[in-house]
Amino acid sequence: IKGARQFFSLGAGFKYNVVKVDVSYLFSASKVKNPLENTLRFSL
């Protein structure tokens, strides 16, 4: 009743020397579609 955002997320990180790469993926667990559903995010 307050927005119904419900989701699971998975992520991984890889580091080599001074560089690190992170990725994540979101799975919606709600009947309301999440705008970030099935989205792969990147961080460096």
PDB file of all heavy atoms in Angstrom:
ATOM      1  N   ILE A   1       0.820  -1.219   0.000  1.00  0.00           N
ATOM      2  CA  ILE A   1       0.000   0.000   0.000  1.00  0.00           C
ATOM      3  C   ILE A   1       0.852   1.265   0.000  1.00  0.00           C
ATOM      4  O   ILE A   1       0.314   2.374   0.015  1.00  0.00           O
ATOM      5  CB  ILE A   1      -0.973   0.024   1.196  1.00  0.00           C
ATOM      6  CG1 ILE A   1      -0.216   0.228   2.509  1.00  0.00           C
ATOM      7  CG2 ILE A   1      -1.826  -1.214   1.239  1.00  0.00           C
ATOM      8  CD1 ILE A   1      -1.127   0.542   3.685  1.00  0.00           C
ATOM      9  N   LYS A   2       2.173   1.107  -0.028  1.00  0.00           N
ATOM     10  CA  LYS A   2       3.057   2.273  -0.023  1.00  0.00           C
ATOM     11  C   LYS A   2       3.981   2.315  -1.238  1.00  0.00           C
ATOM     12  O   LYS A   2       4.978   3.036  -1.227  1.00  0.00           O
ATOM     13  CB  LYS A   2       3.902   2.280   1.264  1.00  0.00           C
ATOM     14  CG  LYS A   2       3.095   2.555   2.523  1.00  0.00           C
ATOM     15  CD  LYS A   2       2.469   3.947   2.501  1.00  0.00           C
ATOM     16  CE  LYS A   2       1.643   4.218   3.730  1.00  0.00           C
ATOM     17  NZ  LYS A   2       1.057   5.574   3.721  1.00  0.00           N
ATOM     18  N   GLY A   3       3.661   1.554  -2.255  1.00  0.00           N
ATOM     19  CA  GLY A   3       4.462   1.576  -3.471  1.00  0.00           C
ATOM     20  C   GLY A   3       4.755   0.219  -4.056  1.00  0.00           C
ATOM     21  O   GLY A   3       5.027   0.086  -5.245  1.00  0.00           O
ATOM     22  N   ALA A   4       4.762  -0.821  -3.205  1.00  0.00           N
ATOM     23  CA  ALA A   4       4.872  -2.216  -3.650  1.00  0.00           C
ATOM     24  C   ALA A   4       6.179  -2.544  -4.361  1.00  0.00           C
ATOM     25  O   ALA A   4       6.222  -3.447  -5.196  1.00  0.00           O
ATOM     26  CB  ALA A   4       3.683  -2.584  -4.548  1.00  0.00           C
ATOM     27  N   ARG A   5       7.261  -1.821  -4.040  1.00  0.00           N
ATOM     28  CA  ARG A   5       8.569  -2.213  -4.589  1.00  0.00           C
ATOM     29  C   ARG A   5       9.091  -3.410  -3.801  1.00  0.00           C
ATOM     30  O   ARG A   5       9.351  -3.312  -2.609  1.00  0.00           O
ATOM     31  CB  ARG A   5       9.561  -1.064  -4.507  1.00  0.00           C
ATOM     32  CG  ARG A   5       9.297   0.087  -5.445  1.00  0.00           C
ATOM     33  CD  ARG A   5      10.322   1.195  -5.230  1.00  0.00           C
ATOM     34  NE  ARG A   5      10.242   1.717  -3.869  1.00  0.00           N
ATOM     35  CZ  ARG A   5      11.228   2.349  -3.256  1.00  0.00           C
ATOM     36  NH1 ARG A   5      12.398   2.499  -3.860  1.00  0.00           N
ATOM     37  NH2 ARG A   5      11.064   2.803  -2.015  1.00  0.00           N
ATOM     38  N   GLN A   6       9.229  -4.516  -4.471  1.00  0.00           N
ATOM     39  CA  GLN A   6       9.758  -5.734  -3.866  1.00  0.00           C
ATOM     40  C   GLN A   6      10.604  -6.437  -4.924  1.00  0.00           C
ATOM     41  O   GLN A   6      10.122  -6.713  -6.020  1.00  0.00           O
ATOM     42  CB  GLN A   6       8.625  -6.641  -3.389  1.00  0.00           C
ATOM     43  CG  GLN A   6       7.729  -6.015  -2.323  1.00  0.00           C
ATOM     44  CD  GLN A   6       6.457  -6.798  -2.089  1.00  0.00           C
ATOM     45  OE1 GLN A   6       6.375  -7.985  -2.389  1.00  0.00           O
ATOM     46  NE2 GLN A   6       5.434  -6.137  -1.551  1.00  0.00           N
ATOM     47  N   PHE A   7      11.861  -6.698  -4.575  1.00  0.00           N
ATOM     48  CA  PHE A   7      12.727  -7.318  -5.582  1.00  0.00           C
ATOM     49  C   PHE A   7      13.897  -8.036  -4.936  1.00  0.00           C
ATOM     50  O   PHE A   7      14.293  -7.758  -3.804  1.00  0.00           O
ATOM     51  CB  PHE A   7      13.241  -6.270  -6.578  1.00  0.00           C
ATOM     52  CG  PHE A   7      14.028  -5.142  -5.960  1.00  0.00           C
ATOM     53  CD1 PHE A   7      15.385  -5.270  -5.678  1.00  0.00           C
ATOM     54  CD2 PHE A   7      13.417  -3.933  -5.669  1.00  0.00           C
ATOM     55  CE1 PHE A   7      16.116  -4.233  -5.126  1.00  0.00           C
ATOM     56  CE2 PHE A   7      14.132  -2.880  -5.110  1.00  0.00           C
ATOM     57  CZ  PHE A   7      15.488  -3.035  -4.833  1.00  0.00           C
ATOM     58  N   PHE A   8      14.436  -8.994  -5.700  1.00  0.00           N
ATOM     59  CA  PHE A   8      15.698  -9.654  -5.375  1.00  0.00           C
ATOM     60  C   PHE A   8      16.777  -9.071  -6.279  1.00  0.00           C
ATOM     61  O   PHE A   8      16.502  -8.629  -7.400  1.00  0.00           O
ATOM     62  CB  PHE A   8      15.606 -11.164  -5.606  1.00  0.00           C
ATOM     63  CG  PHE A   8      14.708 -11.883  -4.639  1.00  0.00           C
ATOM     64  CD1 PHE A   8      13.378 -12.133  -4.967  1.00  0.00           C
ATOM     65  CD2 PHE A   8      15.183 -12.305  -3.406  1.00  0.00           C
ATOM     66  CE1 PHE A   8      12.542 -12.794  -4.083  1.00  0.00           C
ATOM     67  CE2 PHE A   8      14.355 -12.963  -2.516  1.00  0.00           C
ATOM     68  CZ  PHE A   8      13.026 -13.213  -2.852  1.00  0.00           C
ATOM     69  N   SER A   9      17.999  -9.088  -5.804  1.00  0.00           N
ATOM     70  CA  SER A   9      19.107  -8.595  -6.620  1.00  0.00           C
ATOM     71  C   SER A   9      20.322  -9.499  -6.463  1.00  0.00           C
ATOM     72  O   SER A   9      20.535 -10.108  -5.417  1.00  0.00           O
ATOM     73  CB  SER A   9      19.472  -7.158  -6.241  1.00  0.00           C
ATOM     74  OG  SER A   9      19.877  -7.084  -4.883  1.00  0.00           O
ATOM     75  N   LEU A  10      21.078  -9.596  -7.529  1.00  0.00           N
ATOM     76  CA  LEU A  10      22.334 -10.338  -7.544  1.00  0.00           C
ATOM     77  C   LEU A  10      23.454  -9.401  -7.966  1.00  0.00           C
ATOM     78  O   LEU A  10      23.238  -8.476  -8.767  1.00  0.00           O
ATOM     79  CB  LEU A  10      22.259 -11.516  -8.513  1.00  0.00           C
ATOM     80  CG  LEU A  10      21.283 -12.643  -8.197  1.00  0.00           C
ATOM     81  CD1 LEU A  10      21.254 -13.643  -9.352  1.00  0.00           C
ATOM     82  CD2 LEU A  10      21.670 -13.344  -6.912  1.00  0.00           C
ATOM     83  N   GLY A  11      24.651  -9.641  -7.454  1.00  0.00           N
ATOM     84  CA  GLY A  11      25.766  -8.795  -7.833  1.00  0.00           C
ATOM     85  C   GLY A  11      27.079  -9.537  -7.760  1.00  0.00           C
ATOM     86  O   GLY A  11      27.195 -10.589  -7.114  1.00  0.00           O
ATOM     87  N   ALA A  12      28.066  -8.987  -8.421  1.00  0.00           N
ATOM     88  CA  ALA A  12      29.414  -9.555  -8.403  1.00  0.00           C
ATOM     89  C   ALA A  12      30.421  -8.426  -8.514  1.00  0.00           C
ATOM     90  O   ALA A  12      30.127  -7.360  -9.073  1.00  0.00           O
ATOM     91  CB  ALA A  12      29.603 -10.561  -9.536  1.00  0.00           C
ATOM     92  N   GLY A  13      31.610  -8.678  -7.972  1.00  0.00           N
ATOM     93  CA  GLY A  13      32.677  -7.700  -8.049  1.00  0.00           C
ATOM     94  C   GLY A  13      34.000  -8.367  -8.371  1.00  0.00           C
ATOM     95  O   GLY A  13      34.266  -9.490  -7.913  1.00  0.00           O
ATOM     96  N   PHE A  14      34.818  -7.688  -9.165  1.00  0.00           N
ATOM     97  CA  PHE A  14      36.117  -8.224  -9.577  1.00  0.00           C
ATOM     98  C   PHE A  14      37.166  -7.127  -9.408  1.00  0.00           C
ATOM     99  O   PHE A  14      36.968  -5.999  -9.874  1.00  0.00           O
ATOM    100  CB  PHE A  14      36.075  -8.685 -11.038  1.00  0.00           C
ATOM    101  CG  PHE A  14      34.912  -9.577 -11.364  1.00  0.00           C
ATOM    102  CD1 PHE A  14      33.705  -9.029 -11.787  1.00  0.00           C
ATOM    103  CD2 PHE A  14      35.016 -10.950 -11.226  1.00  0.00           C
ATOM    104  CE1 PHE A  14      32.626  -9.848 -12.080  1.00  0.00           C
ATOM    105  CE2 PHE A  14      33.944 -11.776 -11.522  1.00  0.00           C
ATOM    106  CZ  PHE A  14      32.743 -11.219 -11.942  1.00  0.00           C
ATOM    107  N   LYS A  15      38.266  -7.465  -8.769  1.00  0.00           N
ATOM    108  CA  LYS A  15      39.314  -6.483  -8.525  1.00  0.00           C
ATOM    109  C   LYS A  15      40.647  -7.002  -9.027  1.00  0.00           C
ATOM    110  O   LYS A  15      41.028  -8.149  -8.769  1.00  0.00           O
ATOM    111  CB  LYS A  15      39.412  -6.166  -7.024  1.00  0.00           C
ATOM    112  CG  LYS A  15      40.460  -5.112  -6.691  1.00  0.00           C
ATOM    113  CD  LYS A  15      40.497  -4.824  -5.203  1.00  0.00           C
ATOM    114  CE  LYS A  15      41.560  -3.779  -4.864  1.00  0.00           C
ATOM    115  NZ  LYS A  15      41.619  -3.515  -3.407  1.00  0.00           N
ATOM    116  N   TYR A  16      41.345  -6.138  -9.764  1.00  0.00           N
ATOM    117  CA  TYR A  16      42.693  -6.456 -10.227  1.00  0.00           C
ATOM    118  C   TYR A  16      43.567  -5.229 -10.008  1.00  0.00           C
ATOM    119  O   TYR A  16      43.305  -4.167 -10.581  1.00  0.00           O
ATOM    120  CB  TYR A  16      42.698  -6.855 -11.698  1.00  0.00           C
ATOM    121  CG  TYR A  16      44.093  -7.144 -12.228  1.00  0.00           C
ATOM    122  CD1 TYR A  16      44.753  -8.329 -11.887  1.00  0.00           C
ATOM    123  CD2 TYR A  16      44.747  -6.223 -13.041  1.00  0.00           C
ATOM    124  CE1 TYR A  16      46.024  -8.593 -12.360  1.00  0.00           C
ATOM    125  CE2 TYR A  16      46.030  -6.488 -13.517  1.00  0.00           C
ATOM    126  CZ  TYR A  16      46.653  -7.666 -13.167  1.00  0.00           C
ATOM    127  OH  TYR A  16      47.930  -7.930 -13.620  1.00  0.00           O
ATOM    128  N   ASN A  17      44.551  -5.384  -9.158  1.00  0.00           N
ATOM    129  CA  ASN A  17      45.440  -4.282  -8.825  1.00  0.00           C
ATOM    130  C   ASN A  17      44.619  -3.118  -8.254  1.00  0.00           C
ATOM    131  O   ASN A  17      43.984  -3.273  -7.225  1.00  0.00           O
ATOM    132  CB  ASN A  17      46.254  -3.875 -10.060  1.00  0.00           C
ATOM    133  CG  ASN A  17      47.515  -3.123  -9.682  1.00  0.00           C
ATOM    134  OD1 ASN A  17      47.759  -2.839  -8.511  1.00  0.00           O
ATOM    135  ND2 ASN A  17      48.324  -2.797 -10.666  1.00  0.00           N
ATOM    136  N   VAL A  18      44.602  -1.951  -8.910  1.00  0.00           N
ATOM    137  CA  VAL A  18      43.879  -0.787  -8.382  1.00  0.00           C
ATOM    138  C   VAL A  18      42.504  -0.629  -9.019  1.00  0.00           C
ATOM    139  O   VAL A  18      41.759   0.303  -8.682  1.00  0.00           O
ATOM    140  CB  VAL A  18      44.694   0.506  -8.602  1.00  0.00           C
ATOM    141  CG1 VAL A  18      46.011   0.433  -7.869  1.00  0.00           C
ATOM    142  CG2 VAL A  18      44.894   0.784 -10.087  1.00  0.00           C
ATOM    143  N   VAL A  19      42.127  -1.520  -9.922  1.00  0.00           N
ATOM    144  CA  VAL A  19      40.872  -1.400 -10.655  1.00  0.00           C
ATOM    145  C   VAL A  19      39.861  -2.415 -10.129  1.00  0.00           C
ATOM    146  O   VAL A  19      40.185  -3.586  -9.920  1.00  0.00           O
ATOM    147  CB  VAL A  19      41.087  -1.612 -12.164  1.00  0.00           C
ATOM    148  CG1 VAL A  19      39.765  -1.467 -12.913  1.00  0.00           C
ATOM    149  CG2 VAL A  19      42.114  -0.626 -12.696  1.00  0.00           C
ATOM    150  N   LYS A  20      38.641  -1.966  -9.944  1.00  0.00           N
ATOM    151  CA  LYS A  20      37.568  -2.842  -9.482  1.00  0.00           C
ATOM    152  C   LYS A  20      36.336  -2.625 -10.351  1.00  0.00           C
ATOM    153  O   LYS A  20      35.965  -1.484 -10.653  1.00  0.00           O
ATOM    154  CB  LYS A  20      37.223  -2.540  -8.025  1.00  0.00           C
ATOM    155  CG  LYS A  20      36.118  -3.398  -7.446  1.00  0.00           C
ATOM    156  CD  LYS A  20      35.814  -2.995  -6.007  1.00  0.00           C
ATOM    157  CE  LYS A  20      34.664  -3.810  -5.439  1.00  0.00           C
ATOM    158  NZ  LYS A  20      34.306  -3.375  -4.054  1.00  0.00           N
ATOM    159  N   VAL A  21      35.695  -3.726 -10.753  1.00  0.00           N
ATOM    160  CA  VAL A  21      34.479  -3.678 -11.555  1.00  0.00           C
ATOM    161  C   VAL A  21      33.358  -4.357 -10.784  1.00  0.00           C
ATOM    162  O   VAL A  21      33.527  -5.484 -10.283  1.00  0.00           O
ATOM    163  CB  VAL A  21      34.673  -4.373 -12.920  1.00  0.00           C
ATOM    164  CG1 VAL A  21      33.368  -4.351 -13.709  1.00  0.00           C
ATOM    165  CG2 VAL A  21      35.790  -3.705 -13.713  1.00  0.00           C
ATOM    166  N   ASP A  22      32.211  -3.687 -10.667  1.00  0.00           N
ATOM    167  CA  ASP A  22      31.033  -4.255 -10.006  1.00  0.00           C
ATOM    168  C   ASP A  22      29.864  -4.269 -10.979  1.00  0.00           C
ATOM    169  O   ASP A  22      29.679  -3.328 -11.772  1.00  0.00           O
ATOM    170  CB  ASP A  22      30.647  -3.430  -8.774  1.00  0.00           C
ATOM    171  CG  ASP A  22      31.662  -3.546  -7.657  1.00  0.00           C
ATOM    172  OD1 ASP A  22      31.788  -4.650  -7.099  1.00  0.00           O
ATOM    173  OD2 ASP A  22      32.326  -2.542  -7.349  1.00  0.00           O
ATOM    174  N   VAL A  23      29.064  -5.334 -10.915  1.00  0.00           N
ATOM    175  CA  VAL A  23      27.858  -5.452 -11.730  1.00  0.00           C
ATOM    176  C   VAL A  23      26.727  -5.956 -10.841  1.00  0.00           C
ATOM    177  O   VAL A  23      26.962  -6.598  -9.818  1.00  0.00           O
ATOM    178  CB  VAL A  23      28.051  -6.417 -12.925  1.00  0.00           C
ATOM    179  CG1 VAL A  23      29.084  -5.869 -13.888  1.00  0.00           C
ATOM    180  CG2 VAL A  23      28.449  -7.805 -12.442  1.00  0.00           C
ATOM    181  N   SER A  24      25.487  -5.659 -11.253  1.00  0.00           N
ATOM    182  CA  SER A  24      24.330  -6.139 -10.503  1.00  0.00           C
ATOM    183  C   SER A  24      23.147  -6.336 -11.440  1.00  0.00           C
ATOM    184  O   SER A  24      23.099  -5.757 -12.534  1.00  0.00           O
ATOM    185  CB  SER A  24      23.951  -5.159  -9.381  1.00  0.00           C
ATOM    186  OG  SER A  24      23.438  -3.960  -9.926  1.00  0.00           O
ATOM    187  N   TYR A  25      22.194  -7.151 -10.971  1.00  0.00           N
ATOM    188  CA  TYR A  25      21.000  -7.473 -11.760  1.00  0.00           C
ATOM    189  C   TYR A  25      19.815  -7.573 -10.823  1.00  0.00           C
ATOM    190  O   TYR A  25      19.939  -8.102  -9.713  1.00  0.00           O
ATOM    191  CB  TYR A  25      21.209  -8.793 -12.504  1.00  0.00           C
ATOM    192  CG  TYR A  25      20.214  -9.052 -13.610  1.00  0.00           C
ATOM    193  CD1 TYR A  25      20.359  -8.449 -14.852  1.00  0.00           C
ATOM    194  CD2 TYR A  25      19.135  -9.903 -13.413  1.00  0.00           C
ATOM    195  CE1 TYR A  25      19.458  -8.693 -15.879  1.00  0.00           C
ATOM    196  CE2 TYR A  25      18.227 -10.150 -14.432  1.00  0.00           C
ATOM    197  CZ  TYR A  25      18.395  -9.537 -15.665  1.00  0.00           C
ATOM    198  OH  TYR A  25      17.498  -9.778 -16.673  1.00  0.00           O
ATOM    199  N   LEU A  26      18.656  -7.084 -11.258  1.00  0.00           N
ATOM    200  CA  LEU A  26      17.468  -7.007 -10.404  1.00  0.00           C
ATOM    201  C   LEU A  26      16.349  -7.891 -10.947  1.00  0.00           C
ATOM    202  O   LEU A  26      16.076  -7.894 -12.153  1.00  0.00           O
ATOM    203  CB  LEU A  26      17.013  -5.549 -10.302  1.00  0.00           C
ATOM    204  CG  LEU A  26      15.838  -5.198  -9.391  1.00  0.00           C
ATOM    205  CD1 LEU A  26      16.010  -3.781  -8.830  1.00  0.00           C
ATOM    206  CD2 LEU A  26      14.503  -5.272 -10.148  1.00  0.00           C
ATOM    207  N   PHE A  27      15.677  -8.636 -10.027  1.00  0.00           N
ATOM    208  CA  PHE A  27      14.506  -9.446 -10.353  1.00  0.00           C
ATOM    209  C   PHE A  27      13.330  -8.948  -9.521  1.00  0.00           C
ATOM    210  O   PHE A  27      13.386  -8.953  -8.294  1.00  0.00           O
ATOM    211  CB  PHE A  27      14.744 -10.927 -10.020  1.00  0.00           C
ATOM    212  CG  PHE A  27      15.936 -11.530 -10.693  1.00  0.00           C
ATOM    213  CD1 PHE A  27      17.186 -11.468 -10.094  1.00  0.00           C
ATOM    214  CD2 PHE A  27      15.813 -12.165 -11.915  1.00  0.00           C
ATOM    215  CE1 PHE A  27      18.295 -12.036 -10.694  1.00  0.00           C
ATOM    216  CE2 PHE A  27      16.926 -12.730 -12.523  1.00  0.00           C
ATOM    217  CZ  PHE A  27      18.162 -12.668 -11.923  1.00  0.00           C
ATOM    218  N   SER A  28      12.267  -8.507 -10.161  1.00  0.00           N
ATOM    219  CA  SER A  28      11.113  -8.013  -9.427  1.00  0.00           C
ATOM    220  C   SER A  28      10.363  -9.166  -8.765  1.00  0.00           C
ATOM    221  O   SER A  28      10.192 -10.235  -9.351  1.00  0.00           O
ATOM    222  CB  SER A  28      10.163  -7.256 -10.355  1.00  0.00           C
ATOM    223  OG  SER A  28       9.034  -6.783  -9.638  1.00  0.00           O
ATOM    224  N   ALA A  29       9.917  -8.945  -7.521  1.00  0.00           N
ATOM    225  CA  ALA A  29       9.121  -9.926  -6.793  1.00  0.00           C
ATOM    226  C   ALA A  29       7.724  -9.382  -6.512  1.00  0.00           C
ATOM    227  O   ALA A  29       7.014  -9.895  -5.654  1.00  0.00           O
ATOM    228  CB  ALA A  29       9.808 -10.297  -5.483  1.00  0.00           C
ATOM    229  N   SER A  30       7.327  -8.348  -7.242  1.00  0.00           N
ATOM    230  CA  SER A  30       6.047  -7.691  -7.027  1.00  0.00           C
ATOM    231  C   SER A  30       5.232  -7.707  -8.315  1.00  0.00           C
ATOM    232  O   SER A  30       5.778  -7.832  -9.418  1.00  0.00           O
ATOM    233  CB  SER A  30       6.272  -6.245  -6.566  1.00  0.00           C
ATOM    234  OG  SER A  30       5.079  -5.502  -6.572  1.00  0.00           O
ATOM    235  N   LYS A  31       3.924  -7.561  -8.177  1.00  0.00           N
ATOM    236  CA  LYS A  31       3.063  -7.468  -9.347  1.00  0.00           C
ATOM    237  C   LYS A  31       3.239  -6.129 -10.056  1.00  0.00           C
ATOM    238  O   LYS A  31       2.901  -6.000 -11.236  1.00  0.00           O
ATOM    239  CB  LYS A  31       1.600  -7.648  -8.933  1.00  0.00           C
ATOM    240  CG  LYS A  31       1.272  -9.032  -8.395  1.00  0.00           C
ATOM    241  CD  LYS A  31      -0.201  -9.147  -8.028  1.00  0.00           C
ATOM    242  CE  LYS A  31      -0.529 -10.537  -7.496  1.00  0.00           C
ATOM    243  NZ  LYS A  31      -1.962 -10.649  -7.107  1.00  0.00           N
ATOM    244  N   VAL A  32       3.741  -5.137  -9.334  1.00  0.00           N
ATOM    245  CA  VAL A  32       4.019  -3.830  -9.927  1.00  0.00           C
ATOM    246  C   VAL A  32       5.391  -3.875 -10.592  1.00  0.00           C
ATOM    247  O   VAL A  32       6.386  -4.202  -9.955  1.00  0.00           O
ATOM    248  CB  VAL A  32       3.983  -2.717  -8.855  1.00  0.00           C
ATOM    249  CG1 VAL A  32       4.320  -1.371  -9.482  1.00  0.00           C
ATOM    250  CG2 VAL A  32       2.617  -2.668  -8.193  1.00  0.00           C
ATOM    251  N   LYS A  33       5.451  -3.550 -11.852  1.00  0.00           N
ATOM    252  CA  LYS A  33       6.695  -3.656 -12.613  1.00  0.00           C
ATOM    253  C   LYS A  33       7.712  -2.636 -12.102  1.00  0.00           C
ATOM    254  O   LYS A  33       7.402  -1.463 -11.914  1.00  0.00           O
ATOM    255  CB  LYS A  33       6.427  -3.434 -14.095  1.00  0.00           C
ATOM    256  CG  LYS A  33       7.617  -3.772 -14.980  1.00  0.00           C
ATOM    257  CD  LYS A  33       7.240  -3.720 -16.435  1.00  0.00           C
ATOM    258  CE  LYS A  33       8.401  -4.108 -17.329  1.00  0.00           C
ATOM    259  NZ  LYS A  33       8.860  -5.481 -17.083  1.00  0.00           N
ATOM    260  N   ASN A  34       8.935  -3.083 -11.897  1.00  0.00           N
ATOM    261  CA  ASN A  34      10.009  -2.216 -11.444  1.00  0.00           C
ATOM    262  C   ASN A  34      10.726  -1.611 -12.654  1.00  0.00           C
ATOM    263  O   ASN A  34      11.070  -2.329 -13.591  1.00  0.00           O
ATOM    264  CB  ASN A  34      11.001  -3.020 -10.594  1.00  0.00           C
ATOM    265  CG  ASN A  34      11.980  -2.151  -9.845  1.00  0.00           C
ATOM    266  OD1 ASN A  34      12.734  -1.379 -10.430  1.00  0.00           O
ATOM    267  ND2 ASN A  34      11.973  -2.271  -8.524  1.00  0.00           N
ATOM    268  N   PRO A  35      10.952  -0.289 -12.671  1.00  0.00           N
ATOM    269  CA  PRO A  35      11.627   0.327 -13.828  1.00  0.00           C
ATOM    270  C   PRO A  35      13.056  -0.152 -14.027  1.00  0.00           C
ATOM    271  O   PRO A  35      13.634   0.053 -15.094  1.00  0.00           O
ATOM    272  CB  PRO A  35      11.589   1.826 -13.498  1.00  0.00           C
ATOM    273  CG  PRO A  35      11.381   1.900 -12.024  1.00  0.00           C
ATOM    274  CD  PRO A  35      10.552   0.705 -11.664  1.00  0.00           C
ATOM    275  N   LEU A  36      13.642  -0.789 -13.000  1.00  0.00           N
ATOM    276  CA  LEU A  36      15.001  -1.311 -13.115  1.00  0.00           C
ATOM    277  C   LEU A  36      15.021  -2.828 -13.310  1.00  0.00           C
ATOM    278  O   LEU A  36      16.086  -3.450 -13.245  1.00  0.00           O
ATOM    279  CB  LEU A  36      15.811  -0.945 -11.871  1.00  0.00           C
ATOM    280  CG  LEU A  36      16.125   0.546 -11.725  1.00  0.00           C
ATOM    281  CD1 LEU A  36      16.656   0.840 -10.330  1.00  0.00           C
ATOM    282  CD2 LEU A  36      17.123   0.989 -12.779  1.00  0.00           C
ATOM    283  N   GLU A  37      13.858  -3.411 -13.550  1.00  0.00           N
ATOM    284  CA  GLU A  37      13.778  -4.863 -13.734  1.00  0.00           C
ATOM    285  C   GLU A  37      14.555  -5.294 -14.968  1.00  0.00           C
ATOM    286  O   GLU A  37      14.555  -4.612 -16.008  1.00  0.00           O
ATOM    287  CB  GLU A  37      12.308  -5.270 -13.868  1.00  0.00           C
ATOM    288  CG  GLU A  37      12.072  -6.764 -13.888  1.00  0.00           C
ATOM    289  CD  GLU A  37      10.592  -7.107 -13.831  1.00  0.00           C
ATOM    290  OE1 GLU A  37       9.783  -6.177 -13.679  1.00  0.00           O
ATOM    291  OE2 GLU A  37      10.264  -8.306 -13.934  1.00  0.00           O
ATOM    292  N   ASN A  38      15.255  -6.429 -14.839  1.00  0.00           N
ATOM    293  CA  ASN A  38      16.053  -6.982 -15.942  1.00  0.00           C
ATOM    294  C   ASN A  38      17.108  -5.990 -16.437  1.00  0.00           C
ATOM    295  O   ASN A  38      17.419  -5.931 -17.631  1.00  0.00           O
ATOM    296  CB  ASN A  38      15.146  -7.404 -17.105  1.00  0.00           C
ATOM    297  CG  ASN A  38      14.110  -8.423 -16.691  1.00  0.00           C
ATOM    298  OD1 ASN A  38      14.398  -9.319 -15.889  1.00  0.00           O
ATOM    299  ND2 ASN A  38      12.909  -8.295 -17.214  1.00  0.00           N
ATOM    300  N   THR A  39      17.647  -5.222 -15.492  1.00  0.00           N
ATOM    301  CA  THR A  39      18.644  -4.211 -15.832  1.00  0.00           C
ATOM    302  C   THR A  39      20.005  -4.602 -15.271  1.00  0.00           C
ATOM    303  O   THR A  39      20.119  -4.965 -14.104  1.00  0.00           O
ATOM    304  CB  THR A  39      18.243  -2.829 -15.279  1.00  0.00           C
ATOM    305  OG1 THR A  39      17.027  -2.403 -15.888  1.00  0.00           O
ATOM    306  CG2 THR A  39      19.327  -1.804 -15.560  1.00  0.00           C
ATOM    307  N   LEU A  40      21.025  -4.531 -16.106  1.00  0.00           N
ATOM    308  CA  LEU A  40      22.393  -4.800 -15.679  1.00  0.00           C
ATOM    309  C   LEU A  40      23.085  -3.466 -15.422  1.00  0.00           C
ATOM    310  O   LEU A  40      23.173  -2.612 -16.307  1.00  0.00           O
ATOM    311  CB  LEU A  40      23.144  -5.584 -16.762  1.00  0.00           C
ATOM    312  CG  LEU A  40      24.490  -6.202 -16.363  1.00  0.00           C
ATOM    313  CD1 LEU A  40      24.299  -7.238 -15.256  1.00  0.00           C
ATOM    314  CD2 LEU A  40      25.159  -6.828 -17.581  1.00  0.00           C
ATOM    315  N   ARG A  41      23.553  -3.280 -14.189  1.00  0.00           N
ATOM    316  CA  ARG A  41      24.205  -2.028 -13.802  1.00  0.00           C
ATOM    317  C   ARG A  41      25.705  -2.232 -13.651  1.00  0.00           C
ATOM    318  O   ARG A  41      26.151  -3.293 -13.196  1.00  0.00           O
ATOM    319  CB  ARG A  41      23.607  -1.496 -12.498  1.00  0.00           C
ATOM    320  CG  ARG A  41      22.206  -0.970 -12.678  1.00  0.00           C
ATOM    321  CD  ARG A  41      21.683  -0.344 -11.401  1.00  0.00           C
ATOM    322  NE  ARG A  41      20.804  -1.237 -10.690  1.00  0.00           N
ATOM    323  CZ  ARG A  41      20.032  -0.877  -9.677  1.00  0.00           C
ATOM    324  NH1 ARG A  41      20.072   0.360  -9.238  1.00  0.00           N
ATOM    325  NH2 ARG A  41      19.243  -1.740  -9.084  1.00  0.00           N
ATOM    326  N   PHE A  42      26.470  -1.189 -13.966  1.00  0.00           N
ATOM    327  CA  PHE A  42      27.926  -1.287 -13.952  1.00  0.00           C
ATOM    328  C   PHE A  42      28.529  -0.175 -13.099  1.00  0.00           C
ATOM    329  O   PHE A  42      28.036   0.952 -13.094  1.00  0.00           O
ATOM    330  CB  PHE A  42      28.499  -1.164 -15.376  1.00  0.00           C
ATOM    331  CG  PHE A  42      28.004  -2.204 -16.334  1.00  0.00           C
ATOM    332  CD1 PHE A  42      26.861  -1.986 -17.081  1.00  0.00           C
ATOM    333  CD2 PHE A  42      28.691  -3.394 -16.488  1.00  0.00           C
ATOM    334  CE1 PHE A  42      26.406  -2.934 -17.979  1.00  0.00           C
ATOM    335  CE2 PHE A  42      28.242  -4.356 -17.385  1.00  0.00           C
ATOM    336  CZ  PHE A  42      27.103  -4.131 -18.124  1.00  0.00           C
ATOM    337  N   SER A  43      29.604  -0.499 -12.402  1.00  0.00           N
ATOM    338  CA  SER A  43      30.386   0.502 -11.673  1.00  0.00           C
ATOM    339  C   SER A  43      31.868   0.171 -11.827  1.00  0.00           C
ATOM    340  O   SER A  43      32.264  -0.996 -11.783  1.00  0.00           O
ATOM    341  CB  SER A  43      30.026   0.522 -10.185  1.00  0.00           C
ATOM    342  OG  SER A  43      28.702   0.976  -9.983  1.00  0.00           O
ATOM    343  N   LEU A  44      32.655   1.210 -11.984  1.00  0.00           N
ATOM    344  CA  LEU A  44      34.099   1.067 -12.145  1.00  0.00           C
ATOM    345  C   LEU A  44      34.793   1.920 -11.091  1.00  0.00           C
ATOM    346  O   LEU A  44      34.463   3.093 -10.920  1.00  0.00           O
ATOM    347  CB  LEU A  44      34.518   1.512 -13.546  1.00  0.00           C
ATOM    348  CG  LEU A  44      35.988   1.341 -13.936  1.00  0.00           C
ATOM    349  CD1 LEU A  44      36.363  -0.137 -13.965  1.00  0.00           C
ATOM    350  CD2 LEU A  44      36.246   1.993 -15.298  1.00  0.00           C
TER     351      LEU A  44
END
